[in-house]
Protein backbone atom coordinates (compact mmCIF):
# COMPACT_ATOMS: atom_id res chain seq x y z
CA SER A 1 -12.07 75.98 167.49
CA PHE A 2 -15.21 77.69 168.65
CA ASN A 3 -17.56 79.07 166.14
CA ALA A 4 -21.05 80.75 166.41
CA ALA A 5 -22.76 77.77 164.73
CA ASN A 6 -21.84 75.60 167.67
CA ALA A 7 -22.84 78.09 170.30
CA ALA A 8 -26.34 76.67 170.92
CA GLN A 9 -24.94 73.17 171.09
CA ASP A 10 -22.29 74.22 173.52
CA ASP A 11 -24.92 76.02 175.62
CA ASP A 12 -26.91 72.83 175.76
CA MET A 13 -23.80 70.89 176.81
CA LEU A 14 -22.88 73.56 179.43
CA ALA A 15 -26.42 73.32 180.84
CA LEU A 16 -26.23 69.51 180.96
CA LEU A 17 -22.78 69.63 182.64
CA SER A 18 -23.88 72.36 184.98
CA GLY A 19 -26.79 70.19 186.16
CA THR A 20 -24.70 67.03 186.38
CA PHE A 21 -21.86 68.57 188.19
CA ALA A 22 -23.64 71.28 190.13
CA VAL A 23 -21.46 74.29 189.16
CA SER A 24 -21.71 76.90 191.90
CA LYS A 25 -22.27 80.61 191.32
CA SER A 26 -18.70 81.35 192.42
CA GLN A 27 -17.46 79.08 189.55
CA SER A 28 -19.66 80.50 186.96
CA LYS A 29 -18.56 84.07 187.85
CA ALA A 30 -14.93 83.17 188.09
CA SER A 31 -12.36 85.86 187.00
CA ASP A 32 -9.57 85.40 184.50
CA ASP A 33 -7.16 84.12 187.24
CA GLY A 34 -9.36 81.33 188.42
CA THR A 35 -10.58 82.89 191.63
CA ASN A 36 -13.61 84.82 192.78
CA GLY A 37 -12.66 86.81 195.82
CA ASN A 38 -11.08 84.28 198.15
CA SER A 39 -12.75 81.15 196.76
CA VAL A 40 -10.86 78.86 194.45
CA VAL A 41 -12.79 77.60 191.42
CA ASP A 42 -12.88 73.88 190.68
CA VAL A 43 -11.04 74.22 187.36
CA ALA A 44 -10.97 70.51 186.85
CA SER A 45 -14.72 70.16 186.38
CA PRO A 46 -16.11 69.42 182.92
CA ALA A 47 -18.21 72.57 183.07
CA SER A 48 -15.12 74.70 183.85
CA PHE A 49 -13.21 73.00 181.04
CA LEU A 50 -16.09 73.80 178.72
CA GLN A 51 -16.22 77.47 179.75
CA LEU A 52 -12.44 77.80 179.33
CA ALA A 53 -12.61 76.06 175.95
CA ARG A 54 -15.16 78.54 174.80
CA LYS A 55 -13.40 81.58 176.27
CA HIS A 56 -10.09 80.72 174.53
CA SER A 57 -11.57 79.30 171.31
CA LEU A 58 -10.21 75.85 172.05
CA LYS A 59 -11.64 72.37 171.72
CA TYR A 60 -12.58 70.64 175.00
CA ASN A 61 -9.90 68.02 174.61
CA GLU A 62 -7.28 70.71 174.07
CA VAL A 63 -8.18 72.16 177.50
CA GLU A 64 -7.88 68.69 179.03
CA GLU A 65 -4.45 68.27 177.50
CA ILE A 66 -3.32 71.62 178.79
CA TYR A 67 -4.63 70.69 182.21
CA GLU A 68 -2.66 67.52 182.13
CA GLN A 69 0.34 69.64 181.40
CA PHE A 70 -0.48 71.93 184.35
CA GLU A 71 -0.86 68.95 186.61
CA SER A 72 2.61 67.62 185.52
CA ILE A 73 4.09 70.99 186.52
CA ASP A 74 2.24 71.38 189.85
CA LEU A 75 4.40 68.91 191.65
CA ASP A 76 3.06 69.73 195.17
CA ARG A 77 -0.55 69.43 193.90
CA ASP A 78 -1.73 72.61 195.56
CA GLY A 79 -3.50 73.86 192.50
CA TYR A 80 -0.97 76.55 191.67
CA ILE A 81 2.32 76.58 189.91
CA SER A 82 5.07 78.03 192.08
CA LYS A 83 7.98 79.96 190.69
CA LYS A 84 10.29 76.98 191.40
CA GLU A 85 7.91 74.72 189.52
CA PHE A 86 7.63 77.23 186.66
CA GLU A 87 11.43 77.47 186.45
CA ALA A 88 11.65 73.68 186.12
CA LEU A 89 9.09 73.84 183.35
CA LEU A 90 11.26 76.35 181.45
CA ALA A 91 14.39 74.31 181.96
CA ARG A 92 12.56 71.38 180.44
CA VAL A 93 11.06 73.27 177.52
CA TYR A 94 14.52 74.77 176.57
CA GLY A 95 16.25 71.46 177.07
CA ALA A 96 18.43 72.79 179.87
CA SER A 97 19.65 70.54 182.62
CA ASP A 98 18.89 73.29 185.17
CA VAL A 99 17.17 76.74 185.34
CA GLN A 100 20.61 78.22 186.11
CA ASP A 101 21.50 77.38 182.46
CA LEU A 102 18.85 79.94 181.27
CA ALA A 103 19.19 83.66 181.03
CA PRO A 104 17.81 84.98 184.38
CA SER A 105 16.17 88.00 182.58
CA ARG A 106 14.37 85.62 180.26
CA VAL A 107 13.10 83.47 183.12
CA GLU A 108 11.94 86.60 184.92
CA GLN A 109 10.24 87.89 181.85
CA PHE A 110 8.23 84.71 181.52
CA TRP A 111 7.38 84.57 185.20
CA LYS A 112 6.08 88.18 185.04
CA GLN A 113 3.92 87.30 182.07
CA VAL A 114 2.35 84.31 183.69
CA ASP A 115 2.05 85.80 187.16
CA PRO A 116 2.15 89.69 186.89
CA ASP A 117 0.64 90.36 190.40
CA ASN A 118 2.35 87.54 192.30
CA SER A 119 -1.00 85.99 193.30
CA GLY A 120 -0.17 82.51 192.06
CA VAL A 121 -0.52 80.66 188.78
CA SER A 122 -3.78 78.83 188.73
CA PHE A 123 -4.80 76.73 185.76
CA PRO A 124 -6.93 79.40 184.02
CA ARG A 125 -3.94 81.71 184.24
CA PHE A 126 -1.55 79.14 183.01
CA LEU A 127 -3.91 78.31 180.11
CA LYS A 128 -4.10 82.00 179.19
CA TRP A 129 -0.33 82.34 179.30
CA GLN A 130 0.19 79.08 177.41
CA ARG A 131 -2.13 80.24 174.59
CA THR A 132 -0.40 83.63 174.20
CA VAL A 133 3.31 83.15 174.83
CA GLN A 134 5.65 82.00 172.02
CA VAL A 135 8.11 79.61 173.68
CA THR A 136 10.74 78.35 171.32
CA SER A 137 11.04 74.68 172.14
CA LYS A 138 12.83 71.78 170.50
CA ARG A 139 9.93 71.80 167.97
CA PRO A 140 9.28 75.43 166.97
CA GLY A 141 5.77 76.52 166.50
CA GLN A 142 4.35 74.36 169.29
CA PRO A 143 4.34 76.33 172.49
CA LEU A 144 5.27 74.14 175.43
CA ASP A 145 5.37 71.19 173.06
CA ALA A 146 8.34 69.73 174.97
CA LEU A 147 5.92 68.88 177.69
CA GLY A 148 3.88 66.29 175.94
């Protein structure tokens, strides 16, 4: 996890990555939901992963792993998780054969947590939700552990 002793090293790494991958101003000023106005942030860039890791006190490889989970859920590859894709995730996590086997109120509660304003579930938003929600999976204590 992130600590102050590593901040200078992380800043050097971010500067290196920013130069190598040409992070735009819109990317560096992205809001929590992964957008800046109407422009979508390239959340798959190493610089963005590093920024997200620092923001959420994660290791870089943990952000990569969560991104792989995100990609496995985003079946249409549009960069957002739809409600249908999210429902399939919940069914998988809870070991249900179909989302219909889950309590509709619980499904709706999770959906409102991950997408409170119905603007779409981008990777940064999914990461934030995944870090805060307590999902009881087949292996308790590991949120969304059933994915990996």
